[in-house]
Amino acid sequence: MPLYETVIIARQDISTQQVETLTENMSSFITEGGGNVAKVENWGLRNLAYKIKKNRKGHYVLLNLDTPVDAMKEMERNLLLNEDVLRHMTIKVEELEEGDSVMLQSRSARPERRRDDDDGDDKPAAKASDEDKAEDKSEDTSDDKTDEGDA
């Protein structure tokens, strides 16, 4: 069976108990359809990037699912009909994550990774770009002179 990850964002003004009931209802569609709910993570009440239906916050829930396509479509249909659900997103994955997701891991437990360390140079990015530009200019001028002489 295909593997899926679904994130559900519920309205901010419902209680945590109602969010758990919503999650159980959606899980029941999966189990009745012959699937399996591998993991349920409640990420809690978090800020939204922008207002959705006059809400600034939402209750986030992650579901890791091993289910047939028909059961998934039924769950998504019910998510669209439910008034408490602001947004949901389902993606198909190759394998389900073991342990806590990145959202639940503490910052110290996450692997440290910086964008400017990808190239492996010890030079700062600004100096490297200035030196590259200087090299490009010297190459361009030498190429232009050889091209003009050949023509």
N, C-alpha and C. Protein backbone atom coordinates (compact mmCIF):
# COMPACT_ATOMS: atom_id res chain seq x y z
N MET A 1 0.84 -1.19 0.00
CA MET A 1 0.00 0.00 0.00
C MET A 1 0.88 1.24 0.00
N PRO A 2 0.38 2.32 -0.59
CA PRO A 2 1.15 3.58 -0.61
C PRO A 2 1.27 4.17 0.79
N LEU A 3 2.33 4.95 0.98
CA LEU A 3 2.59 5.62 2.26
C LEU A 3 2.35 7.11 2.08
N TYR A 4 1.69 7.73 3.07
CA TYR A 4 1.34 9.14 2.99
C TYR A 4 1.66 9.84 4.30
N GLU A 5 1.90 11.15 4.20
CA GLU A 5 1.97 12.04 5.35
C GLU A 5 0.92 13.12 5.14
N THR A 6 0.06 13.31 6.13
CA THR A 6 -0.98 14.32 6.06
C THR A 6 -0.82 15.28 7.23
N VAL A 7 -0.84 16.56 6.93
CA VAL A 7 -0.83 17.59 7.97
C VAL A 7 -2.18 18.29 7.91
N ILE A 8 -2.81 18.39 9.08
CA ILE A 8 -4.12 19.01 9.20
C ILE A 8 -3.98 20.25 10.08
N ILE A 9 -4.56 21.37 9.66
CA ILE A 9 -4.60 22.58 10.48
C ILE A 9 -6.06 22.84 10.83
N ALA A 10 -6.34 22.81 12.14
CA ALA A 10 -7.71 23.04 12.62
C ALA A 10 -7.81 24.45 13.19
N ARG A 11 -9.04 24.94 13.30
CA ARG A 11 -9.29 26.30 13.80
C ARG A 11 -8.71 26.49 15.19
N GLN A 12 -8.35 27.75 15.51
CA GLN A 12 -7.74 28.05 16.79
C GLN A 12 -8.73 28.04 17.95
N ASP A 13 -10.00 28.25 17.69
CA ASP A 13 -10.96 28.38 18.78
C ASP A 13 -11.59 27.06 19.22
N ILE A 14 -11.14 25.94 18.66
CA ILE A 14 -11.63 24.66 19.17
C ILE A 14 -10.65 24.15 20.23
N SER A 15 -11.14 23.28 21.10
CA SER A 15 -10.30 22.79 22.19
C SER A 15 -9.39 21.66 21.71
N THR A 16 -8.40 21.35 22.54
CA THR A 16 -7.49 20.24 22.23
C THR A 16 -8.25 18.93 22.16
N GLN A 17 -9.26 18.79 23.01
CA GLN A 17 -10.09 17.58 23.00
C GLN A 17 -10.82 17.43 21.66
N GLN A 18 -11.32 18.54 21.12
CA GLN A 18 -12.00 18.50 19.83
C GLN A 18 -11.03 18.15 18.71
N VAL A 19 -9.78 18.62 18.81
CA VAL A 19 -8.76 18.29 17.82
C VAL A 19 -8.48 16.79 17.86
N GLU A 20 -8.38 16.21 19.06
CA GLU A 20 -8.16 14.77 19.20
C GLU A 20 -9.33 13.98 18.62
N THR A 21 -10.56 14.46 18.85
CA THR A 21 -11.74 13.80 18.28
C THR A 21 -11.71 13.86 16.76
N LEU A 22 -11.34 15.01 16.21
CA LEU A 22 -11.21 15.17 14.76
C LEU A 22 -10.18 14.19 14.20
N THR A 23 -9.05 14.07 14.89
CA THR A 23 -7.99 13.16 14.45
C THR A 23 -8.47 11.71 14.50
N GLU A 24 -9.18 11.35 15.56
CA GLU A 24 -9.71 9.98 15.66
C GLU A 24 -10.72 9.69 14.56
N ASN A 25 -11.56 10.68 14.23
CA ASN A 25 -12.54 10.49 13.15
C ASN A 25 -11.84 10.26 11.81
N MET A 26 -10.80 11.05 11.53
CA MET A 26 -10.08 10.89 10.27
C MET A 26 -9.31 9.57 10.25
N SER A 27 -8.79 9.16 11.40
CA SER A 27 -8.09 7.87 11.48
C SER A 27 -9.05 6.71 11.26
N SER A 28 -10.30 6.88 11.69
CA SER A 28 -11.28 5.80 11.51
C SER A 28 -11.59 5.58 10.03
N PHE A 29 -11.57 6.64 9.21
CA PHE A 29 -11.77 6.46 7.76
C PHE A 29 -10.66 5.61 7.17
N ILE A 30 -9.45 5.79 7.67
CA ILE A 30 -8.31 5.03 7.17
C ILE A 30 -8.41 3.57 7.58
N THR A 31 -8.69 3.31 8.84
CA THR A 31 -8.75 1.93 9.32
C THR A 31 -9.93 1.17 8.72
N GLU A 32 -11.08 1.86 8.54
CA GLU A 32 -12.23 1.21 7.90
C GLU A 32 -11.94 0.88 6.44
N GLY A 33 -11.08 1.66 5.79
CA GLY A 33 -10.73 1.44 4.39
C GLY A 33 -9.62 0.42 4.21
N GLY A 34 -9.17 -0.20 5.30
CA GLY A 34 -8.15 -1.23 5.19
C GLY A 34 -6.74 -0.71 5.36
N GLY A 35 -6.59 0.51 5.85
CA GLY A 35 -5.27 1.10 6.02
C GLY A 35 -4.80 1.06 7.47
N ASN A 36 -3.66 1.69 7.70
CA ASN A 36 -3.06 1.70 9.02
C ASN A 36 -2.53 3.11 9.29
N VAL A 37 -2.81 3.61 10.50
CA VAL A 37 -2.27 4.89 10.94
C VAL A 37 -1.00 4.58 11.71
N ALA A 38 0.15 4.85 11.11
CA ALA A 38 1.43 4.50 11.72
C ALA A 38 1.79 5.42 12.87
N LYS A 39 1.50 6.71 12.74
CA LYS A 39 1.89 7.67 13.77
C LYS A 39 0.97 8.88 13.72
N VAL A 40 0.64 9.40 14.90
CA VAL A 40 -0.11 10.64 15.03
C VAL A 40 0.69 11.57 15.92
N GLU A 41 1.00 12.76 15.42
CA GLU A 41 1.73 13.76 16.19
C GLU A 41 0.88 15.03 16.29
N ASN A 42 0.65 15.47 17.50
CA ASN A 42 -0.05 16.73 17.70
C ASN A 42 1.00 17.80 17.95
N TRP A 43 1.13 18.74 17.02
CA TRP A 43 2.15 19.78 17.11
C TRP A 43 1.68 20.97 17.94
N GLY A 44 0.41 20.99 18.30
CA GLY A 44 -0.12 22.04 19.15
C GLY A 44 -0.60 23.25 18.38
N LEU A 45 -0.89 24.31 19.13
CA LEU A 45 -1.37 25.56 18.56
C LEU A 45 -0.17 26.38 18.11
N ARG A 46 -0.12 26.69 16.81
CA ARG A 46 1.02 27.40 16.24
C ARG A 46 0.51 28.58 15.42
N ASN A 47 1.38 29.58 15.23
CA ASN A 47 1.04 30.73 14.40
C ASN A 47 0.99 30.34 12.94
N LEU A 48 0.06 30.95 12.21
CA LEU A 48 -0.02 30.77 10.76
C LEU A 48 0.81 31.85 10.08
N ALA A 49 1.27 31.60 8.89
CA ALA A 49 2.05 32.59 8.15
C ALA A 49 1.17 33.75 7.71
N TYR A 50 -0.11 33.49 7.49
CA TYR A 50 -1.06 34.53 7.09
C TYR A 50 -2.44 34.12 7.59
N LYS A 51 -3.34 35.06 7.64
CA LYS A 51 -4.69 34.77 8.12
C LYS A 51 -5.40 33.81 7.17
N ILE A 52 -6.07 32.83 7.75
CA ILE A 52 -6.91 31.91 6.98
C ILE A 52 -8.28 31.91 7.64
N LYS A 53 -9.29 32.38 6.92
CA LYS A 53 -10.65 32.46 7.44
C LYS A 53 -10.69 33.18 8.79
N LYS A 54 -10.00 34.30 8.87
CA LYS A 54 -9.93 35.16 10.05
C LYS A 54 -9.21 34.52 11.24
N ASN A 55 -8.42 33.50 11.02
CA ASN A 55 -7.66 32.85 12.08
C ASN A 55 -6.18 33.17 11.92
N ARG A 56 -5.53 33.51 13.04
CA ARG A 56 -4.09 33.78 13.04
C ARG A 56 -3.29 32.58 13.54
N LYS A 57 -3.96 31.65 14.19
CA LYS A 57 -3.31 30.45 14.73
C LYS A 57 -4.11 29.23 14.30
N GLY A 58 -3.47 28.06 14.48
CA GLY A 58 -4.16 26.81 14.15
C GLY A 58 -3.55 25.65 14.90
N HIS A 59 -4.37 24.64 15.14
CA HIS A 59 -3.90 23.39 15.75
C HIS A 59 -3.36 22.51 14.64
N TYR A 60 -2.08 22.12 14.73
CA TYR A 60 -1.45 21.30 13.71
C TYR A 60 -1.39 19.85 14.16
N VAL A 61 -1.71 18.92 13.24
CA VAL A 61 -1.64 17.49 13.51
C VAL A 61 -1.01 16.81 12.30
N LEU A 62 -0.06 15.91 12.55
CA LEU A 62 0.59 15.12 11.49
C LEU A 62 0.12 13.68 11.60
N LEU A 63 -0.28 13.09 10.47
CA LEU A 63 -0.66 11.68 10.40
C LEU A 63 0.25 10.97 9.42
N ASN A 64 0.91 9.92 9.85
CA ASN A 64 1.66 9.05 8.94
C ASN A 64 0.77 7.86 8.64
N LEU A 65 0.51 7.62 7.36
CA LEU A 65 -0.49 6.65 6.96
C LEU A 65 0.06 5.62 5.97
N ASP A 66 -0.39 4.39 6.13
CA ASP A 66 -0.13 3.30 5.20
C ASP A 66 -1.50 2.81 4.78
N THR A 67 -1.99 3.30 3.65
CA THR A 67 -3.40 3.11 3.32
C THR A 67 -3.63 3.01 1.82
N PRO A 68 -4.72 2.34 1.43
CA PRO A 68 -5.09 2.34 0.00
C PRO A 68 -5.56 3.73 -0.45
N VAL A 69 -5.53 3.95 -1.73
CA VAL A 69 -5.88 5.25 -2.29
C VAL A 69 -7.34 5.61 -2.00
N ASP A 70 -8.24 4.65 -2.08
CA ASP A 70 -9.66 4.93 -1.86
C ASP A 70 -9.92 5.44 -0.45
N ALA A 71 -9.27 4.85 0.55
CA ALA A 71 -9.44 5.30 1.93
C ALA A 71 -8.88 6.71 2.10
N MET A 72 -7.76 6.99 1.44
CA MET A 72 -7.17 8.33 1.52
C MET A 72 -8.10 9.37 0.91
N LYS A 73 -8.67 9.06 -0.22
CA LYS A 73 -9.59 10.00 -0.87
C LYS A 73 -10.83 10.24 -0.01
N GLU A 74 -11.32 9.23 0.65
CA GLU A 74 -12.47 9.39 1.54
C GLU A 74 -12.13 10.29 2.72
N MET A 75 -10.95 10.11 3.30
CA MET A 75 -10.53 10.96 4.41
C MET A 75 -10.38 12.41 3.94
N GLU A 76 -9.77 12.64 2.78
CA GLU A 76 -9.61 13.99 2.27
C GLU A 76 -10.95 14.64 1.95
N ARG A 77 -11.90 13.85 1.45
CA ARG A 77 -13.24 14.38 1.18
C ARG A 77 -13.88 14.87 2.47
N ASN A 78 -13.74 14.11 3.54
CA ASN A 78 -14.31 14.50 4.82
C ASN A 78 -13.57 15.68 5.45
N LEU A 79 -12.28 15.79 5.19
CA LEU A 79 -11.54 16.96 5.66
C LEU A 79 -12.06 18.24 4.99
N LEU A 80 -12.40 18.15 3.71
CA LEU A 80 -12.94 19.30 3.00
C LEU A 80 -14.31 19.71 3.53
N LEU A 81 -15.11 18.73 3.98
CA LEU A 81 -16.45 19.01 4.48
C LEU A 81 -16.45 19.52 5.92
N ASN A 82 -15.42 19.24 6.67
CA ASN A 82 -15.37 19.60 8.08
C ASN A 82 -15.10 21.09 8.24
N GLU A 83 -15.96 21.78 9.01
CA GLU A 83 -15.82 23.22 9.20
C GLU A 83 -14.64 23.60 10.08
N ASP A 84 -14.19 22.69 10.92
CA ASP A 84 -13.09 22.98 11.84
C ASP A 84 -11.72 22.92 11.17
N VAL A 85 -11.63 22.35 9.98
CA VAL A 85 -10.36 22.20 9.29
C VAL A 85 -10.13 23.42 8.39
N LEU A 86 -9.03 24.14 8.67
CA LEU A 86 -8.68 25.30 7.84
C LEU A 86 -7.97 24.86 6.57
N ARG A 87 -6.97 24.00 6.72
CA ARG A 87 -6.18 23.50 5.58
C ARG A 87 -5.75 22.08 5.89
N HIS A 88 -5.45 21.36 4.83
CA HIS A 88 -4.81 20.05 4.98
C HIS A 88 -3.95 19.82 3.75
N MET A 89 -2.91 19.02 3.93
CA MET A 89 -2.04 18.69 2.81
C MET A 89 -1.59 17.25 2.97
N THR A 90 -1.70 16.49 1.91
CA THR A 90 -1.28 15.10 1.90
C THR A 90 -0.22 14.92 0.84
N ILE A 91 0.88 14.27 1.21
CA ILE A 91 1.92 13.97 0.24
C ILE A 91 2.23 12.48 0.31
N LYS A 92 2.58 11.93 -0.83
CA LYS A 92 2.98 10.53 -0.91
C LYS A 92 4.48 10.45 -0.67
N VAL A 93 4.91 9.54 0.20
CA VAL A 93 6.32 9.43 0.56
C VAL A 93 6.81 8.02 0.26
N GLU A 94 8.12 7.89 0.13
CA GLU A 94 8.74 6.59 -0.13
C GLU A 94 8.76 5.73 1.13
N GLU A 95 9.05 6.37 2.29
CA GLU A 95 9.06 5.64 3.55
C GLU A 95 8.63 6.60 4.65
N LEU A 96 8.05 6.04 5.71
CA LEU A 96 7.60 6.85 6.83
C LEU A 96 8.75 7.09 7.80
N GLU A 97 8.78 8.27 8.40
CA GLU A 97 9.82 8.62 9.37
C GLU A 97 9.63 7.83 10.65
N GLU A 98 10.74 7.38 11.20
CA GLU A 98 10.72 6.74 12.52
C GLU A 98 11.02 7.80 13.56
N GLY A 99 10.40 7.71 14.70
CA GLY A 99 10.67 8.67 15.77
C GLY A 99 9.93 9.98 15.54
N ASP A 100 10.36 11.01 16.26
CA ASP A 100 9.71 12.31 16.18
C ASP A 100 10.04 13.00 14.87
N SER A 101 9.08 13.80 14.39
CA SER A 101 9.32 14.61 13.20
C SER A 101 10.19 15.79 13.57
N VAL A 102 10.61 16.55 12.57
CA VAL A 102 11.49 17.70 12.79
C VAL A 102 10.79 18.75 13.65
N MET A 103 9.49 18.87 13.53
CA MET A 103 8.75 19.87 14.30
C MET A 103 8.79 19.58 15.80
N LEU A 104 8.88 18.33 16.19
CA LEU A 104 8.90 17.98 17.61
C LEU A 104 10.29 17.88 18.19
N GLN A 105 11.30 17.78 17.35
CA GLN A 105 12.66 17.68 17.85
C GLN A 105 13.12 19.02 18.40
N SER A 106 13.91 18.99 19.46
CA SER A 106 14.44 20.24 19.99
C SER A 106 15.54 20.74 19.06
N ARG A 107 15.84 22.00 19.11
CA ARG A 107 16.86 22.58 18.22
C ARG A 107 18.22 21.92 18.43
N SER A 108 18.54 21.54 19.66
CA SER A 108 19.84 20.93 19.92
C SER A 108 19.94 19.52 19.33
N ALA A 109 18.81 18.84 19.16
CA ALA A 109 18.83 17.48 18.63
C ALA A 109 18.90 17.45 17.10
N ARG A 110 18.56 18.57 16.46
CA ARG A 110 18.59 18.63 15.01
C ARG A 110 20.02 18.72 14.51
N PRO A 111 20.31 18.15 13.34
CA PRO A 111 21.66 18.30 12.79
C PRO A 111 21.91 19.75 12.40
N GLU A 112 23.09 20.26 12.75
CA GLU A 112 23.45 21.65 12.44
C GLU A 112 23.80 21.77 10.97
N ARG A 113 23.14 22.68 10.28
CA ARG A 113 23.41 22.86 8.86
C ARG A 113 23.22 24.32 8.51
N ARG A 114 24.19 24.88 7.83
CA ARG A 114 24.12 26.27 7.41
C ARG A 114 24.20 26.34 5.90
N ARG A 115 23.54 27.31 5.33
CA ARG A 115 23.53 27.44 3.86
C ARG A 115 24.88 27.78 3.29
N ASP A 116 25.65 28.65 3.95
CA ASP A 116 26.91 29.10 3.37
C ASP A 116 28.03 28.09 3.51
N ASP A 117 27.80 26.99 4.21
CA ASP A 117 28.82 25.95 4.34
C ASP A 117 28.71 24.87 3.27
N ASP A 118 27.76 25.00 2.35
CA ASP A 118 27.55 23.96 1.35
C ASP A 118 28.72 23.82 0.38
N ASP A 119 29.37 24.95 0.01
CA ASP A 119 30.43 24.87 -0.99
C ASP A 119 31.76 24.39 -0.40
N GLY A 120 31.93 24.46 0.91
CA GLY A 120 33.14 23.94 1.55
C GLY A 120 34.30 24.91 1.54
N ASP A 121 34.18 26.09 0.94
CA ASP A 121 35.26 27.08 0.94
C ASP A 121 35.37 27.73 2.30
N ASP A 122 36.58 28.13 2.67
CA ASP A 122 36.78 28.84 3.91
C ASP A 122 36.60 30.35 3.72
N LYS A 123 36.52 30.81 2.44
CA LYS A 123 36.38 32.22 2.16
C LYS A 123 34.96 32.66 2.46
N PRO A 124 34.79 33.88 2.96
CA PRO A 124 33.43 34.41 3.10
C PRO A 124 32.81 34.58 1.72
N ALA A 125 31.50 34.53 1.66
CA ALA A 125 30.80 34.58 0.38
C ALA A 125 31.05 35.88 -0.36
N ALA A 126 31.12 37.01 0.35
CA ALA A 126 31.32 38.30 -0.31
C ALA A 126 32.69 38.38 -0.96
N LYS A 127 33.74 37.94 -0.28
CA LYS A 127 35.08 37.97 -0.85
C LYS A 127 35.19 37.03 -2.04
N ALA A 128 34.58 35.88 -1.93
CA ALA A 128 34.65 34.91 -3.02
C ALA A 128 34.00 35.47 -4.27
N SER A 129 32.87 36.15 -4.12
CA SER A 129 32.21 36.68 -5.30
C SER A 129 33.02 37.82 -5.92
N ASP A 130 33.68 38.67 -5.10
CA ASP A 130 34.52 39.73 -5.64
C ASP A 130 35.70 39.16 -6.42
N GLU A 131 36.34 38.13 -5.87
CA GLU A 131 37.48 37.52 -6.56
C GLU A 131 37.05 36.83 -7.84
N ASP A 132 35.87 36.19 -7.82
CA ASP A 132 35.36 35.53 -9.03
C ASP A 132 35.08 36.55 -10.12
N LYS A 133 34.53 37.71 -9.73
CA LYS A 133 34.24 38.75 -10.72
C LYS A 133 35.53 39.25 -11.36
N ALA A 134 36.57 39.43 -10.54
CA ALA A 134 37.85 39.91 -11.06
C ALA A 134 38.43 38.90 -12.04
N GLU A 135 38.34 37.62 -11.72
CA GLU A 135 38.85 36.58 -12.62
C GLU A 135 38.06 36.55 -13.91
N ASP A 136 36.72 36.72 -13.82
CA ASP A 136 35.88 36.72 -15.01
C ASP A 136 36.25 37.88 -15.94
N LYS A 137 36.52 39.06 -15.36
CA LYS A 137 36.87 40.22 -16.19
C LYS A 137 38.19 39.99 -16.91
N SER A 138 39.18 39.41 -16.22
CA SER A 138 40.47 39.19 -16.86
C SER A 138 40.34 38.15 -17.96
N GLU A 139 39.52 37.16 -17.77
CA GLU A 139 39.31 36.14 -18.80
C GLU A 139 38.57 36.73 -20.00
N ASP A 140 37.58 37.59 -19.74
CA ASP A 140 36.80 38.18 -20.82
C ASP A 140 37.68 39.06 -21.70
N THR A 141 38.54 39.84 -21.12
CA THR A 141 39.37 40.74 -21.92
C THR A 141 40.38 39.96 -22.73
N SER A 142 40.95 38.92 -22.21
CA SER A 142 41.92 38.14 -22.98
C SER A 142 41.23 37.41 -24.12
N ASP A 143 40.03 36.93 -23.91
CA ASP A 143 39.30 36.24 -24.98
C ASP A 143 38.92 37.20 -26.11
N ASP A 144 38.54 38.43 -25.72
CA ASP A 144 38.15 39.41 -26.73
C ASP A 144 39.34 39.75 -27.63
N LYS A 145 40.52 39.89 -27.07
CA LYS A 145 41.69 40.25 -27.86
C LYS A 145 42.06 39.13 -28.82
N THR A 146 41.96 37.89 -28.40
CA THR A 146 42.30 36.79 -29.29
C THR A 146 41.27 36.66 -30.40
N ASP A 147 40.00 36.92 -30.05
CA ASP A 147 38.95 36.83 -31.08
C ASP A 147 39.12 37.89 -32.13
N GLU A 148 39.50 39.10 -31.71
CA GLU A 148 39.67 40.19 -32.67
C GLU A 148 40.87 39.93 -33.58
N GLY A 149 41.91 39.37 -33.02
CA GLY A 149 43.12 39.11 -33.81
C GLY A 149 42.87 38.01 -34.84
N ASP A 150 42.04 37.03 -34.52
CA ASP A 150 41.76 35.94 -35.45
C ASP A 150 40.88 36.39 -36.60
N ALA A 151 40.04 37.38 -36.38
CA ALA A 151 39.08 37.78 -37.40
C ALA A 151 39.64 38.62 -38.44
